[in-house]
Structures are given as structure tokens and as C-alpha cells.
Amino acid sequence: MDIVVSGIRSTGNLHLGNYFGAVRNFVKMQHENKCFFFIADYHSLTTHPKPEDLQGNIKQVLSEFLACGIDPEMATVFVQSDVPEVAELYLLLNMNAYVGELQRTASFKEKIRKQPDNINAGLLTYPVLMAADIIIHKANKVPVGKDQEQHLEMTRRFARRFNSMYGVNYFPEPEAYNFGSRLIKIPGLDGSGKMGKSEGNGIFLSDPPEEIRKKVMRAVTDSGPVEPNQKMPVPIKNLFTIMGVVSEPSTVKHFREKYASCEIRYGEMKKQLAEDIIRFISPVREKILAISSDDRYLAKVMKEGAEKARASASATVRDVKEIIGYRKMF
């Protein structure tokens, strides 16, 4: 059985892209693997050092995870900051992480371009904290997107470096968990290739119906095809991609035929798409609202998740400190 670790930032409410891109697969994965799913509240501080409502964000994301089908009885579900051993391993790994290799990461270069007034040490050592999150549970599989592949390779490097420096074979080198054809990429509503919170182009699982209608009606389109079977521009193709996962096949077929015959009316298509998204999201949204209002249940999930995660993490940190040479003298 594989050990799988994955996290999501506490600032990132789940959107349709998250759901189809990873979370739906997490639900399947927990039946086949030993899974650790965590809310990365430490990571979020690298870009949001003064969160307006840290606890509220954690509660929201945890509620969404559970509403989507993550089962705390099957997987270990926890909050990153509830496991202090992560910070300790992060510190120890930092001693063997080199400034030059950290400065060369693509994500660091991108972040310092986007936030030049907040180039903090956490941004620089982000890959080290990610490595600590993963190898503290001795994971051998990690679900990663394209933008995280370099970080996973660095995690492998840090694990390999530790083993080599201390002459042990302690940490496995985790591999990417490949969802293959099960991974559906949901584009944004602004004509771009990726749905996301920071891009402002997402439909969130907690969005009320009116908000969804507003967002979809603002989606980028063009003036329409001018000749039969004209090639679709990217923004229109994006709308059809979203429609393909939330609408009935007959609905998709209808609008494709209208596009091919140059008779499509985007306003009509958007209205239909909005209602189909609302119908698709509503059951999940109702679960989110129910779970988020049950503080006793959420407290139980967090407490039990932290206990399970700490049992795994403390054993690793104890071993690592002994390997390095920290031993009780008396």
C-alpha cells in the first residue's frame, strides 16, 4: 500500500478546477492507499502574512474537503500547524538546503516578481517546508500539478541528500501520483487555461446560485462564428469544456450544433451553463454549509487527525534526530 501526502492552502477555497483536478481523485485514492491530507496554513503565510481570518479559512477549507467525500475515518485529515514536528523537520532540512538551489526555483522567481515588497525567507525555503510535509510521513507518492513538479524533484533531492550525508537509507524518494485519464483540467472563465482563486476566474463550490450566474454571464466570449464548422477560439472551447462535465450530453450536443451552424447565442448558452453548474454544485454546497455549522464535529476531526498525523511525524523526527547524532546523554 502506497503512502500518499497532499495538501491545500488555507487561503484557497475549492473551485471546480480543484474538484475535478484532484479532490475527486483523492476520494478514490483514500480507498487504495494510506493517505495524509492536510490544510497548509503555514504555507499560506508566505503570500498572506497577515491573514484576515486564519481560523475561518481553515474551517472553510476543512468543511469543503469533508463535503467532497474525504473520509477522516479512512484518511488522516489534519491542519499543518497542529503538527509541530513538521516545523522541526523543516528546520533540520534547512541546514542541508542551499541558497543557490532555492533561488533557482521557478516558483521563487515568479513569486518575487509578483510580490516584490514581500520577498520573505519563507518564500525562498518553500520547497523545504513542502519536503518536510511529505517525507515526515515517509510518503512514496505525491499528487502534484505541473507547477509543483520542480518542488517534488527538490523533495526527492533533499531525501536523497539526507540519506547520503548520514549513510542511511531512511527516506524514500517520493514519486508523482499520476491520475492519468482520470484527471480533468477545468479552464477559467476569463479565457485563460487554468481556473484558480488568484486568477479571479473560478466557480467555487461554496458559491451561492446568484454569484454563479453573475460569474458565468461575465465569462469571455467573442462575436460568434462567421462560417460553418469554424474552429473554436480558446475562450469558447473553455466554456464547452466546463459544460462537458456539468451538463447533460444532449445539452452539449445542442450547443455544439448551434455553434457549427453559426446559430449559437452565447447568452443562451451561458444561462444554461450557469443553471447546470448550480445543479451540479448544490448537493456539495449544502453539505459544506451543514458541516461548517457543526463545530463539534469539525473539532473532533481536527483533534483526531492531529493525533494520527503526530504519531507518524514524531516517529520520523525522533529517528532523524538520532541519525544526525542527537541522543540523550543522561
C-alpha atoms as a PDB file:
ATOM      1  CA  MET A   1       0.000   0.000   0.000  1.00  0.00           C
ATOM      2  CA  ASP A   2       1.385   3.410  -1.008  1.00  0.00           C
ATOM      3  CA  ILE A   3       1.716   6.271   1.483  1.00  0.00           C
ATOM      4  CA  VAL A   4       0.305   9.406  -0.133  1.00  0.00           C
ATOM      5  CA  VAL A   5       0.601  13.001   1.136  1.00  0.00           C
ATOM      6  CA  SER A   6      -1.153  16.050  -0.293  1.00  0.00           C
ATOM      7  CA  GLY A   7      -2.188  19.474   0.974  1.00  0.00           C
ATOM      8  CA  ILE A   8      -4.127  22.577   0.035  1.00  0.00           C
ATOM      9  CA  ARG A   9      -3.514  26.130   1.184  1.00  0.00           C
ATOM     10  CA  SER A  10      -5.848  27.510   3.824  1.00  0.00           C
ATOM     11  CA  THR A  11      -6.413  30.608   1.650  1.00  0.00           C
ATOM     12  CA  GLY A  12      -7.758  28.619  -1.278  1.00  0.00           C
ATOM     13  CA  ASN A  13     -11.461  27.759  -1.255  1.00  0.00           C
ATOM     14  CA  LEU A  14     -12.114  24.788  -3.505  1.00  0.00           C
ATOM     15  CA  HIS A  15     -13.351  25.537  -7.016  1.00  0.00           C
ATOM     16  CA  LEU A  16     -14.489  23.346  -9.886  1.00  0.00           C
ATOM     17  CA  GLY A  17     -10.897  23.024 -11.068  1.00  0.00           C
ATOM     18  CA  ASN A  18      -9.807  21.647  -7.680  1.00  0.00           C
ATOM     19  CA  TYR A  19     -12.727  19.278  -7.579  1.00  0.00           C
ATOM     20  CA  PHE A  20     -12.169  17.699 -10.973  1.00  0.00           C
ATOM     21  CA  GLY A  21      -8.401  18.136 -10.922  1.00  0.00           C
ATOM     22  CA  ALA A  22      -7.582  16.499  -7.613  1.00  0.00           C
ATOM     23  CA  VAL A  23     -10.195  16.275  -4.865  1.00  0.00           C
ATOM     24  CA  ARG A  24     -12.478  13.846  -6.669  1.00  0.00           C
ATOM     25  CA  ASN A  25      -9.449  11.620  -7.167  1.00  0.00           C
ATOM     26  CA  PHE A  26      -8.443  11.990  -3.514  1.00  0.00           C
ATOM     27  CA  VAL A  27     -11.789  10.451  -2.608  1.00  0.00           C
ATOM     28  CA  LYS A  28     -10.980   7.403  -4.741  1.00  0.00           C
ATOM     29  CA  MET A  29      -7.368   7.320  -3.599  1.00  0.00           C
ATOM     30  CA  GLN A  30      -8.204   7.011   0.110  1.00  0.00           C
ATOM     31  CA  HIS A  31      -9.707   3.576  -0.542  1.00  0.00           C
ATOM     32  CA  GLU A  32      -6.495   2.286  -2.120  1.00  0.00           C
ATOM     33  CA  ASN A  33      -3.684   3.986  -0.166  1.00  0.00           C
ATOM     34  CA  LYS A  34      -2.651   5.244   3.253  1.00  0.00           C
ATOM     35  CA  CYS A  35      -3.401   8.941   2.779  1.00  0.00           C
ATOM     36  CA  PHE A  36      -2.434  12.095   4.680  1.00  0.00           C
ATOM     37  CA  PHE A  37      -4.437  15.148   3.564  1.00  0.00           C
ATOM     38  CA  PHE A  38      -3.602  18.444   5.255  1.00  0.00           C
ATOM     39  CA  ILE A  39      -4.530  22.115   5.211  1.00  0.00           C
ATOM     40  CA  ALA A  40      -1.322  24.052   4.588  1.00  0.00           C
ATOM     41  CA  ASP A  41      -1.779  27.058   6.855  1.00  0.00           C
ATOM     42  CA  TYR A  42       1.986  27.598   7.270  1.00  0.00           C
ATOM     43  CA  HIS A  43       2.463  27.711   3.505  1.00  0.00           C
ATOM     44  CA  SER A  44      -0.250  30.342   3.138  1.00  0.00           C
ATOM     45  CA  LEU A  45       1.763  32.798   5.273  1.00  0.00           C
ATOM     46  CA  THR A  46       4.407  33.105   2.531  1.00  0.00           C
ATOM     47  CA  THR A  47       1.962  35.130   0.453  1.00  0.00           C
ATOM     48  CA  HIS A  48      -0.608  36.142   3.099  1.00  0.00           C
ATOM     49  CA  PRO A  49       1.488  37.047   6.172  1.00  0.00           C
ATOM     50  CA  LYS A  50      -1.460  38.823   7.846  1.00  0.00           C
ATOM     51  CA  PRO A  51      -4.489  36.630   7.142  1.00  0.00           C
ATOM     52  CA  GLU A  52      -7.768  38.377   7.889  1.00  0.00           C
ATOM     53  CA  ASP A  53      -9.425  35.244   9.255  1.00  0.00           C
ATOM     54  CA  LEU A  54      -6.952  32.376   9.539  1.00  0.00           C
ATOM     55  CA  GLN A  55      -9.223  30.144  11.628  1.00  0.00           C
ATOM     56  CA  GLY A  56     -12.216  30.888   9.421  1.00  0.00           C
ATOM     57  CA  ASN A  57     -10.237  29.980   6.313  1.00  0.00           C
ATOM     58  CA  ILE A  58      -9.088  26.697   7.855  1.00  0.00           C
ATOM     59  CA  LYS A  59     -12.639  25.852   8.886  1.00  0.00           C
ATOM     60  CA  GLN A  60     -13.974  26.598   5.407  1.00  0.00           C
ATOM     61  CA  VAL A  61     -11.391  24.515   3.555  1.00  0.00           C
ATOM     62  CA  LEU A  62     -11.746  21.613   6.003  1.00  0.00           C
ATOM     63  CA  SER A  63     -15.536  21.688   5.591  1.00  0.00           C
ATOM     64  CA  GLU A  64     -15.139  21.634   1.817  1.00  0.00           C
ATOM     65  CA  PHE A  65     -12.708  18.700   1.909  1.00  0.00           C
ATOM     66  CA  LEU A  66     -15.140  16.686   4.020  1.00  0.00           C
ATOM     67  CA  ALA A  67     -18.169  17.682   1.945  1.00  0.00           C
ATOM     68  CA  CYS A  68     -16.457  16.437  -1.198  1.00  0.00           C
ATOM     69  CA  GLY A  69     -16.080  12.982   0.314  1.00  0.00           C
ATOM     70  CA  ILE A  70     -12.733  12.918   2.113  1.00  0.00           C
ATOM     71  CA  ASP A  71     -13.374  10.477   4.949  1.00  0.00           C
ATOM     72  CA  PRO A  72     -11.427  11.135   8.190  1.00  0.00           C
ATOM     73  CA  GLU A  73     -12.074   7.519   9.185  1.00  0.00           C
ATOM     74  CA  MET A  74     -10.171   6.297   6.120  1.00  0.00           C
ATOM     75  CA  ALA A  75      -7.573   9.047   5.623  1.00  0.00           C
ATOM     76  CA  THR A  76      -5.626  11.192   8.073  1.00  0.00           C
ATOM     77  CA  VAL A  77      -7.052  14.713   7.696  1.00  0.00           C
ATOM     78  CA  PHE A  78      -5.283  17.438   9.664  1.00  0.00           C
ATOM     79  CA  VAL A  79      -4.118  21.041   9.865  1.00  0.00           C
ATOM     80  CA  GLN A  80      -0.417  21.589   9.198  1.00  0.00           C
ATOM     81  CA  SER A  81       0.159  23.822  12.235  1.00  0.00           C
ATOM     82  CA  ASP A  82      -1.338  21.177  14.541  1.00  0.00           C
ATOM     83  CA  VAL A  83       1.733  19.031  13.875  1.00  0.00           C
ATOM     84  CA  PRO A  84       4.748  20.924  15.335  1.00  0.00           C
ATOM     85  CA  GLU A  85       7.080  18.128  14.228  1.00  0.00           C
ATOM     86  CA  VAL A  86       6.708  19.460  10.664  1.00  0.00           C
ATOM     87  CA  ALA A  87       8.340  22.733  11.698  1.00  0.00           C
ATOM     88  CA  GLU A  88      11.144  20.852  13.466  1.00  0.00           C
ATOM     89  CA  LEU A  89      11.923  18.686  10.443  1.00  0.00           C
ATOM     90  CA  TYR A  90      11.715  21.807   8.246  1.00  0.00           C
ATOM     91  CA  LEU A  91      14.410  23.412  10.410  1.00  0.00           C
ATOM     92  CA  LEU A  92      16.658  20.346  10.228  1.00  0.00           C
ATOM     93  CA  LEU A  93      16.263  20.028   6.449  1.00  0.00           C
ATOM     94  CA  ASN A  94      17.070  23.729   6.021  1.00  0.00           C
ATOM     95  CA  MET A  95      20.564  23.039   7.339  1.00  0.00           C
ATOM     96  CA  ASN A  96      21.231  20.951   4.245  1.00  0.00           C
ATOM     97  CA  ALA A  97      19.362  23.084   1.694  1.00  0.00           C
ATOM     98  CA  TYR A  98      21.496  25.519  -0.276  1.00  0.00           C
ATOM     99  CA  VAL A  99      20.577  29.113  -1.080  1.00  0.00           C
ATOM    100  CA  GLY A 100      21.624  28.833  -4.715  1.00  0.00           C
ATOM    101  CA  GLU A 101      19.360  25.879  -5.497  1.00  0.00           C
ATOM    102  CA  LEU A 102      16.435  27.541  -3.728  1.00  0.00           C
ATOM    103  CA  GLN A 103      16.905  30.816  -5.595  1.00  0.00           C
ATOM    104  CA  ARG A 104      16.798  28.991  -8.919  1.00  0.00           C
ATOM    105  CA  THR A 105      13.328  27.512  -8.430  1.00  0.00           C
ATOM    106  CA  ALA A 106      10.761  28.763 -10.918  1.00  0.00           C
ATOM    107  CA  SER A 107       8.147  29.372  -8.215  1.00  0.00           C
ATOM    108  CA  PHE A 108      10.502  31.612  -6.207  1.00  0.00           C
ATOM    109  CA  LYS A 109      11.328  33.682  -9.286  1.00  0.00           C
ATOM    110  CA  GLU A 110       7.629  34.042 -10.065  1.00  0.00           C
ATOM    111  CA  LYS A 111       6.676  34.990  -6.511  1.00  0.00           C
ATOM    112  CA  ILE A 112       9.339  37.686  -6.145  1.00  0.00           C
ATOM    113  CA  ARG A 113       8.106  39.150  -9.424  1.00  0.00           C
ATOM    114  CA  LYS A 114       4.506  39.166  -8.179  1.00  0.00           C
ATOM    115  CA  GLN A 115       5.242  40.400  -4.642  1.00  0.00           C
ATOM    116  CA  PRO A 116       8.476  42.448  -4.774  1.00  0.00           C
ATOM    117  CA  ASP A 117       7.680  44.113  -1.446  1.00  0.00           C
ATOM    118  CA  ASN A 118       7.370  40.787   0.394  1.00  0.00           C
ATOM    119  CA  ILE A 119      10.346  38.618  -0.570  1.00  0.00           C
ATOM    120  CA  ASN A 120      10.495  36.687   2.676  1.00  0.00           C
ATOM    121  CA  ALA A 121      12.620  33.752   3.773  1.00  0.00           C
ATOM    122  CA  GLY A 122       9.526  31.534   3.750  1.00  0.00           C
ATOM    123  CA  LEU A 123       9.193  32.073   0.005  1.00  0.00           C
ATOM    124  CA  LEU A 124      12.803  31.049  -0.502  1.00  0.00           C
ATOM    125  CA  THR A 125      12.532  27.919   1.633  1.00  0.00           C
ATOM    126  CA  TYR A 126       9.022  26.969   0.500  1.00  0.00           C
ATOM    127  CA  PRO A 127      10.334  23.790  -1.204  1.00  0.00           C
ATOM    128  CA  VAL A 128      11.983  22.726   2.061  1.00  0.00           C
ATOM    129  CA  LEU A 129       8.731  23.045   4.002  1.00  0.00           C
ATOM    130  CA  MET A 130       6.958  21.130   1.252  1.00  0.00           C
ATOM    131  CA  ALA A 131       9.616  18.433   1.511  1.00  0.00           C
ATOM    132  CA  ALA A 132       9.112  18.253   5.281  1.00  0.00           C
ATOM    133  CA  ASP A 133       5.347  17.868   4.800  1.00  0.00           C
ATOM    134  CA  ILE A 134       5.925  14.898   2.524  1.00  0.00           C
ATOM    135  CA  ILE A 135       8.845  12.963   3.903  1.00  0.00           C
ATOM    136  CA  ILE A 136       7.818  13.338   7.548  1.00  0.00           C
ATOM    137  CA  HIS A 137       5.268  10.610   6.775  1.00  0.00           C
ATOM    138  CA  LYS A 138       7.777   8.758   4.574  1.00  0.00           C
ATOM    139  CA  ALA A 139       5.444   9.161   1.601  1.00  0.00           C
ATOM    140  CA  ASN A 140       6.288   7.423  -1.640  1.00  0.00           C
ATOM    141  CA  LYS A 141       3.549   9.039  -3.749  1.00  0.00           C
ATOM    142  CA  VAL A 142       2.519  12.709  -4.066  1.00  0.00           C
ATOM    143  CA  PRO A 143      -0.251  14.089  -6.300  1.00  0.00           C
ATOM    144  CA  VAL A 144       1.252  17.174  -7.962  1.00  0.00           C
ATOM    145  CA  GLY A 145       0.252  19.569 -10.690  1.00  0.00           C
ATOM    146  CA  LYS A 146       2.577  20.801 -13.399  1.00  0.00           C
ATOM    147  CA  ASP A 147       3.502  23.860 -11.326  1.00  0.00           C
ATOM    148  CA  GLN A 148       4.679  21.679  -8.417  1.00  0.00           C
ATOM    149  CA  GLU A 149       6.817  19.167 -10.322  1.00  0.00           C
ATOM    150  CA  GLN A 150      10.049  21.067  -9.595  1.00  0.00           C
ATOM    151  CA  HIS A 151       9.218  21.136  -5.881  1.00  0.00           C
ATOM    152  CA  LEU A 152       8.675  17.393  -5.865  1.00  0.00           C
ATOM    153  CA  GLU A 153      12.016  16.887  -7.570  1.00  0.00           C
ATOM    154  CA  MET A 154      13.609  19.008  -4.832  1.00  0.00           C
ATOM    155  CA  THR A 155      11.879  16.878  -2.205  1.00  0.00           C
ATOM    156  CA  ARG A 156      13.462  13.829  -3.803  1.00  0.00           C
ATOM    157  CA  ARG A 157      16.814  15.636  -3.756  1.00  0.00           C
ATOM    158  CA  PHE A 158      16.535  16.534  -0.053  1.00  0.00           C
ATOM    159  CA  ALA A 159      15.574  12.954   0.837  1.00  0.00           C
ATOM    160  CA  ARG A 160      18.474  11.596  -1.215  1.00  0.00           C
ATOM    161  CA  ARG A 161      20.886  14.129   0.284  1.00  0.00           C
ATOM    162  CA  PHE A 162      19.909  13.231   3.850  1.00  0.00           C
ATOM    163  CA  ASN A 163      20.367   9.523   3.145  1.00  0.00           C
ATOM    164  CA  SER A 164      23.736  10.146   1.512  1.00  0.00           C
ATOM    165  CA  MET A 165      25.077  12.551   4.159  1.00  0.00           C
ATOM    166  CA  TYR A 166      24.317  10.220   7.039  1.00  0.00           C
ATOM    167  CA  GLY A 167      24.933   6.913   5.280  1.00  0.00           C
ATOM    168  CA  VAL A 168      21.403   5.611   5.718  1.00  0.00           C
ATOM    169  CA  ASN A 169      18.513   4.504   3.549  1.00  0.00           C
ATOM    170  CA  TYR A 170      15.847   6.151   5.667  1.00  0.00           C
ATOM    171  CA  PHE A 171      13.726   8.418   3.466  1.00  0.00           C
ATOM    172  CA  PRO A 172      12.087   7.048   0.306  1.00  0.00           C
ATOM    173  CA  GLU A 173      12.263   9.301  -2.774  1.00  0.00           C
ATOM    174  CA  PRO A 174       8.593  10.105  -3.435  1.00  0.00           C
ATOM    175  CA  GLU A 175       7.213   9.860  -6.943  1.00  0.00           C
ATOM    176  CA  ALA A 176       4.408  11.790  -8.602  1.00  0.00           C
ATOM    177  CA  TYR A 177       0.997  10.163  -8.281  1.00  0.00           C
ATOM    178  CA  ASN A 178      -0.302  10.044 -11.819  1.00  0.00           C
ATOM    179  CA  PHE A 179      -4.072  10.218 -12.173  1.00  0.00           C
ATOM    180  CA  GLY A 180      -3.769   9.619 -15.916  1.00  0.00           C
ATOM    181  CA  SER A 181      -7.025   9.886 -17.834  1.00  0.00           C
ATOM    182  CA  ARG A 182      -8.964  10.447 -14.599  1.00  0.00           C
ATOM    183  CA  LEU A 183      -7.529  13.971 -14.311  1.00  0.00           C
ATOM    184  CA  ILE A 184      -9.844  16.561 -15.882  1.00  0.00           C
ATOM    185  CA  LYS A 185      -8.466  20.079 -16.299  1.00  0.00           C
ATOM    186  CA  ILE A 186     -11.092  22.771 -15.822  1.00  0.00           C
ATOM    187  CA  PRO A 187     -10.271  26.104 -17.508  1.00  0.00           C
ATOM    188  CA  GLY A 188     -11.095  29.558 -16.192  1.00  0.00           C
ATOM    189  CA  LEU A 189     -13.987  31.797 -17.216  1.00  0.00           C
ATOM    190  CA  ASP A 190     -11.672  34.565 -18.412  1.00  0.00           C
ATOM    191  CA  GLY A 191     -10.390  32.744 -21.470  1.00  0.00           C
ATOM    192  CA  SER A 192      -7.229  31.548 -19.718  1.00  0.00           C
ATOM    193  CA  GLY A 193      -6.115  27.947 -19.393  1.00  0.00           C
ATOM    194  CA  LYS A 194      -6.473  27.494 -15.643  1.00  0.00           C
ATOM    195  CA  MET A 195      -9.219  28.061 -13.104  1.00  0.00           C
ATOM    196  CA  GLY A 196      -7.905  29.498  -9.844  1.00  0.00           C
ATOM    197  CA  LYS A 197      -8.598  31.780  -6.908  1.00  0.00           C
ATOM    198  CA  SER A 198      -5.740  34.193  -7.553  1.00  0.00           C
ATOM    199  CA  GLU A 199      -6.763  34.482 -11.208  1.00  0.00           C
ATOM    200  CA  GLY A 200     -10.286  35.573 -10.207  1.00  0.00           C
ATOM    201  CA  ASN A 201     -11.829  33.282 -12.809  1.00  0.00           C
ATOM    202  CA  GLY A 202     -13.192  30.438 -10.721  1.00  0.00           C
ATOM    203  CA  ILE A 203     -16.520  28.960  -9.701  1.00  0.00           C
ATOM    204  CA  PHE A 204     -16.239  27.956  -6.040  1.00  0.00           C
ATOM    205  CA  LEU A 205     -18.065  25.023  -4.513  1.00  0.00           C
ATOM    206  CA  SER A 206     -19.445  27.351  -1.835  1.00  0.00           C
ATOM    207  CA  ASP A 207     -20.710  29.996  -4.297  1.00  0.00           C
ATOM    208  CA  PRO A 208     -24.451  30.749  -3.973  1.00  0.00           C
ATOM    209  CA  PRO A 209     -26.583  30.486  -7.148  1.00  0.00           C
ATOM    210  CA  GLU A 210     -26.721  34.228  -7.843  1.00  0.00           C
ATOM    211  CA  GLU A 211     -22.940  34.511  -7.653  1.00  0.00           C
ATOM    212  CA  ILE A 212     -22.545  31.646 -10.102  1.00  0.00           C
ATOM    213  CA  ARG A 213     -24.966  33.265 -12.554  1.00  0.00           C
ATOM    214  CA  LYS A 214     -23.074  36.551 -12.378  1.00  0.00           C
ATOM    215  CA  LYS A 215     -19.706  34.910 -12.916  1.00  0.00           C
ATOM    216  CA  VAL A 216     -20.829  32.783 -15.853  1.00  0.00           C
ATOM    217  CA  MET A 217     -22.593  35.662 -17.598  1.00  0.00           C
ATOM    218  CA  ARG A 218     -19.331  37.642 -17.390  1.00  0.00           C
ATOM    219  CA  ALA A 219     -17.352  34.804 -18.995  1.00  0.00           C
ATOM    220  CA  VAL A 220     -15.247  35.823 -22.001  1.00  0.00           C
ATOM    221  CA  THR A 221     -16.763  35.091 -25.431  1.00  0.00           C
ATOM    222  CA  ASP A 222     -16.464  36.536 -28.937  1.00  0.00           C
ATOM    223  CA  SER A 223     -18.862  37.802 -31.608  1.00  0.00           C
ATOM    224  CA  GLY A 224     -19.617  34.251 -32.745  1.00  0.00           C
ATOM    225  CA  PRO A 225     -18.644  32.068 -35.713  1.00  0.00           C
ATOM    226  CA  VAL A 226     -18.967  33.539 -39.187  1.00  0.00           C
ATOM    227  CA  GLU A 227     -18.732  30.324 -41.205  1.00  0.00           C
ATOM    228  CA  PRO A 228     -19.959  26.737 -40.602  1.00  0.00           C
ATOM    229  CA  ASN A 229     -17.714  24.439 -38.550  1.00  0.00           C
ATOM    230  CA  GLN A 230     -15.347  27.311 -37.757  1.00  0.00           C
ATOM    231  CA  LYS A 231     -12.546  26.426 -35.337  1.00  0.00           C
ATOM    232  CA  MET A 232     -13.407  27.460 -31.778  1.00  0.00           C
ATOM    233  CA  PRO A 233     -11.275  30.133 -30.110  1.00  0.00           C
ATOM    234  CA  VAL A 234      -9.898  29.210 -26.680  1.00  0.00           C
ATOM    235  CA  PRO A 235     -12.491  31.107 -24.548  1.00  0.00           C
ATOM    236  CA  ILE A 236     -15.380  29.343 -26.304  1.00  0.00           C
ATOM    237  CA  LYS A 237     -13.663  25.978 -26.115  1.00  0.00           C
ATOM    238  CA  ASN A 238     -13.249  26.609 -22.380  1.00  0.00           C
ATOM    239  CA  LEU A 239     -16.995  27.095 -21.922  1.00  0.00           C
ATOM    240  CA  PHE A 240     -17.696  23.862 -23.771  1.00  0.00           C
ATOM    241  CA  THR A 241     -15.129  22.058 -21.591  1.00  0.00           C
ATOM    242  CA  ILE A 242     -16.929  23.174 -18.429  1.00  0.00           C
ATOM    243  CA  MET A 243     -20.292  22.329 -19.971  1.00  0.00           C
ATOM    244  CA  GLY A 244     -18.961  18.887 -20.807  1.00  0.00           C
ATOM    245  CA  VAL A 245     -18.543  17.986 -17.125  1.00  0.00           C
ATOM    246  CA  VAL A 246     -21.664  19.573 -15.609  1.00  0.00           C
ATOM    247  CA  SER A 247     -24.327  19.360 -18.348  1.00  0.00           C
ATOM    248  CA  GLU A 248     -26.274  16.549 -19.976  1.00  0.00           C
ATOM    249  CA  PRO A 249     -24.705  15.176 -23.184  1.00  0.00           C
ATOM    250  CA  SER A 250     -27.802  16.273 -25.107  1.00  0.00           C
ATOM    251  CA  THR A 251     -27.273  19.855 -23.924  1.00  0.00           C
ATOM    252  CA  VAL A 252     -23.657  19.872 -25.050  1.00  0.00           C
ATOM    253  CA  LYS A 253     -24.660  18.355 -28.394  1.00  0.00           C
ATOM    254  CA  HIS A 254     -27.336  21.022 -28.882  1.00  0.00           C
ATOM    255  CA  PHE A 255     -24.950  23.946 -28.421  1.00  0.00           C
ATOM    256  CA  ARG A 256     -22.197  22.347 -30.462  1.00  0.00           C
ATOM    257  CA  GLU A 257     -24.618  22.003 -33.342  1.00  0.00           C
ATOM    258  CA  LYS A 258     -25.687  25.630 -32.905  1.00  0.00           C
ATOM    259  CA  TYR A 259     -22.044  26.693 -32.996  1.00  0.00           C
ATOM    260  CA  ALA A 260     -21.307  24.597 -36.089  1.00  0.00           C
ATOM    261  CA  SER A 261     -24.263  26.158 -37.924  1.00  0.00           C
ATOM    262  CA  CYS A 262     -23.384  29.724 -36.814  1.00  0.00           C
ATOM    263  CA  GLU A 263     -26.688  29.985 -34.913  1.00  0.00           C
ATOM    264  CA  ILE A 264     -25.292  29.965 -31.385  1.00  0.00           C
ATOM    265  CA  ARG A 265     -26.336  32.643 -28.915  1.00  0.00           C
ATOM    266  CA  TYR A 266     -23.773  32.876 -26.153  1.00  0.00           C
ATOM    267  CA  GLY A 267     -26.211  34.488 -23.740  1.00  0.00           C
ATOM    268  CA  GLU A 268     -28.487  31.477 -24.025  1.00  0.00           C
ATOM    269  CA  MET A 269     -25.544  29.112 -23.644  1.00  0.00           C
ATOM    270  CA  LYS A 270     -24.260  30.919 -20.554  1.00  0.00           C
ATOM    271  CA  LYS A 271     -27.676  30.858 -18.895  1.00  0.00           C
ATOM    272  CA  GLN A 272     -27.913  27.118 -19.456  1.00  0.00           C
ATOM    273  CA  LEU A 273     -24.338  26.571 -18.253  1.00  0.00           C
ATOM    274  CA  ALA A 274     -24.955  28.589 -15.076  1.00  0.00           C
ATOM    275  CA  GLU A 275     -28.041  26.549 -14.189  1.00  0.00           C
ATOM    276  CA  ASP A 276     -26.219  23.293 -14.866  1.00  0.00           C
ATOM    277  CA  ILE A 277     -23.305  24.366 -12.637  1.00  0.00           C
ATOM    278  CA  ILE A 278     -25.757  25.318  -9.880  1.00  0.00           C
ATOM    279  CA  ARG A 279     -27.468  21.925 -10.160  1.00  0.00           C
ATOM    280  CA  PHE A 280     -24.100  20.159 -10.060  1.00  0.00           C
ATOM    281  CA  ILE A 281     -22.694  22.145  -7.120  1.00  0.00           C
ATOM    282  CA  SER A 282     -25.832  22.392  -4.955  1.00  0.00           C
ATOM    283  CA  PRO A 283     -25.524  18.991  -3.195  1.00  0.00           C
ATOM    284  CA  VAL A 284     -21.884  19.700  -2.304  1.00  0.00           C
ATOM    285  CA  ARG A 285     -22.677  23.259  -1.216  1.00  0.00           C
ATOM    286  CA  GLU A 286     -25.450  22.014   1.076  1.00  0.00           C
ATOM    287  CA  LYS A 287     -23.005  19.583   2.694  1.00  0.00           C
ATOM    288  CA  ILE A 288     -20.442  22.371   3.117  1.00  0.00           C
ATOM    289  CA  LEU A 289     -22.990  24.549   4.897  1.00  0.00           C
ATOM    290  CA  ALA A 290     -24.091  21.681   7.144  1.00  0.00           C
ATOM    291  CA  ILE A 291     -20.564  20.614   8.069  1.00  0.00           C
ATOM    292  CA  SER A 292     -19.277  24.163   8.621  1.00  0.00           C
ATOM    293  CA  SER A 293     -22.085  24.780  11.123  1.00  0.00           C
ATOM    294  CA  ASP A 294     -21.169  21.690  13.153  1.00  0.00           C
ATOM    295  CA  ASP A 295     -18.268  22.935  15.267  1.00  0.00           C
ATOM    296  CA  ARG A 296     -18.257  19.852  17.495  1.00  0.00           C
ATOM    297  CA  TYR A 297     -17.760  17.528  14.517  1.00  0.00           C
ATOM    298  CA  LEU A 298     -15.032  19.724  12.993  1.00  0.00           C
ATOM    299  CA  ALA A 299     -13.208  19.900  16.333  1.00  0.00           C
ATOM    300  CA  LYS A 300     -13.341  16.097  16.575  1.00  0.00           C
ATOM    301  CA  VAL A 301     -11.966  15.675  13.034  1.00  0.00           C
ATOM    302  CA  MET A 302      -9.124  18.134  13.699  1.00  0.00           C
ATOM    303  CA  LYS A 303      -8.221  16.586  17.054  1.00  0.00           C
ATOM    304  CA  GLU A 304      -8.186  13.006  15.794  1.00  0.00           C
ATOM    305  CA  GLY A 305      -6.406  13.987  12.597  1.00  0.00           C
ATOM    306  CA  ALA A 306      -3.691  15.805  14.535  1.00  0.00           C
ATOM    307  CA  GLU A 307      -3.194  12.814  16.817  1.00  0.00           C
ATOM    308  CA  LYS A 308      -2.773  10.407  13.897  1.00  0.00           C
ATOM    309  CA  ALA A 309      -0.503  12.790  11.987  1.00  0.00           C
ATOM    310  CA  ARG A 310       1.656  13.464  15.055  1.00  0.00           C
ATOM    311  CA  ALA A 311       2.062   9.760  15.761  1.00  0.00           C
ATOM    312  CA  SER A 312       3.558   9.351  12.296  1.00  0.00           C
ATOM    313  CA  ALA A 313       5.537  12.607  12.347  1.00  0.00           C
ATOM    314  CA  SER A 314       7.030  12.246  15.837  1.00  0.00           C
ATOM    315  CA  ALA A 315       8.422   8.811  14.996  1.00  0.00           C
ATOM    316  CA  THR A 316      10.172  10.275  11.948  1.00  0.00           C
ATOM    317  CA  VAL A 317      11.615  13.272  13.799  1.00  0.00           C
ATOM    318  CA  ARG A 318      12.851  11.032  16.607  1.00  0.00           C
ATOM    319  CA  ASP A 319      14.619   8.799  14.067  1.00  0.00           C
ATOM    320  CA  VAL A 320      16.056  11.763  12.147  1.00  0.00           C
ATOM    321  CA  LYS A 321      17.491  13.386  15.275  1.00  0.00           C
ATOM    322  CA  GLU A 322      19.079  10.117  16.310  1.00  0.00           C
ATOM    323  CA  ILE A 323      20.563   9.627  12.835  1.00  0.00           C
ATOM    324  CA  ILE A 324      22.010  13.154  12.923  1.00  0.00           C
ATOM    325  CA  GLY A 325      23.501  12.500  16.362  1.00  0.00           C
ATOM    326  CA  TYR A 326      21.066  13.980  18.874  1.00  0.00           C
ATOM    327  CA  ARG A 327      20.892  11.461  21.684  1.00  0.00           C
ATOM    328  CA  LYS A 328      20.042  11.720  25.347  1.00  0.00           C
ATOM    329  CA  MET A 329      23.301  11.957  27.276  1.00  0.00           C
ATOM    330  CA  PHE A 330      21.883  11.195  30.704  1.00  0.00           C
END
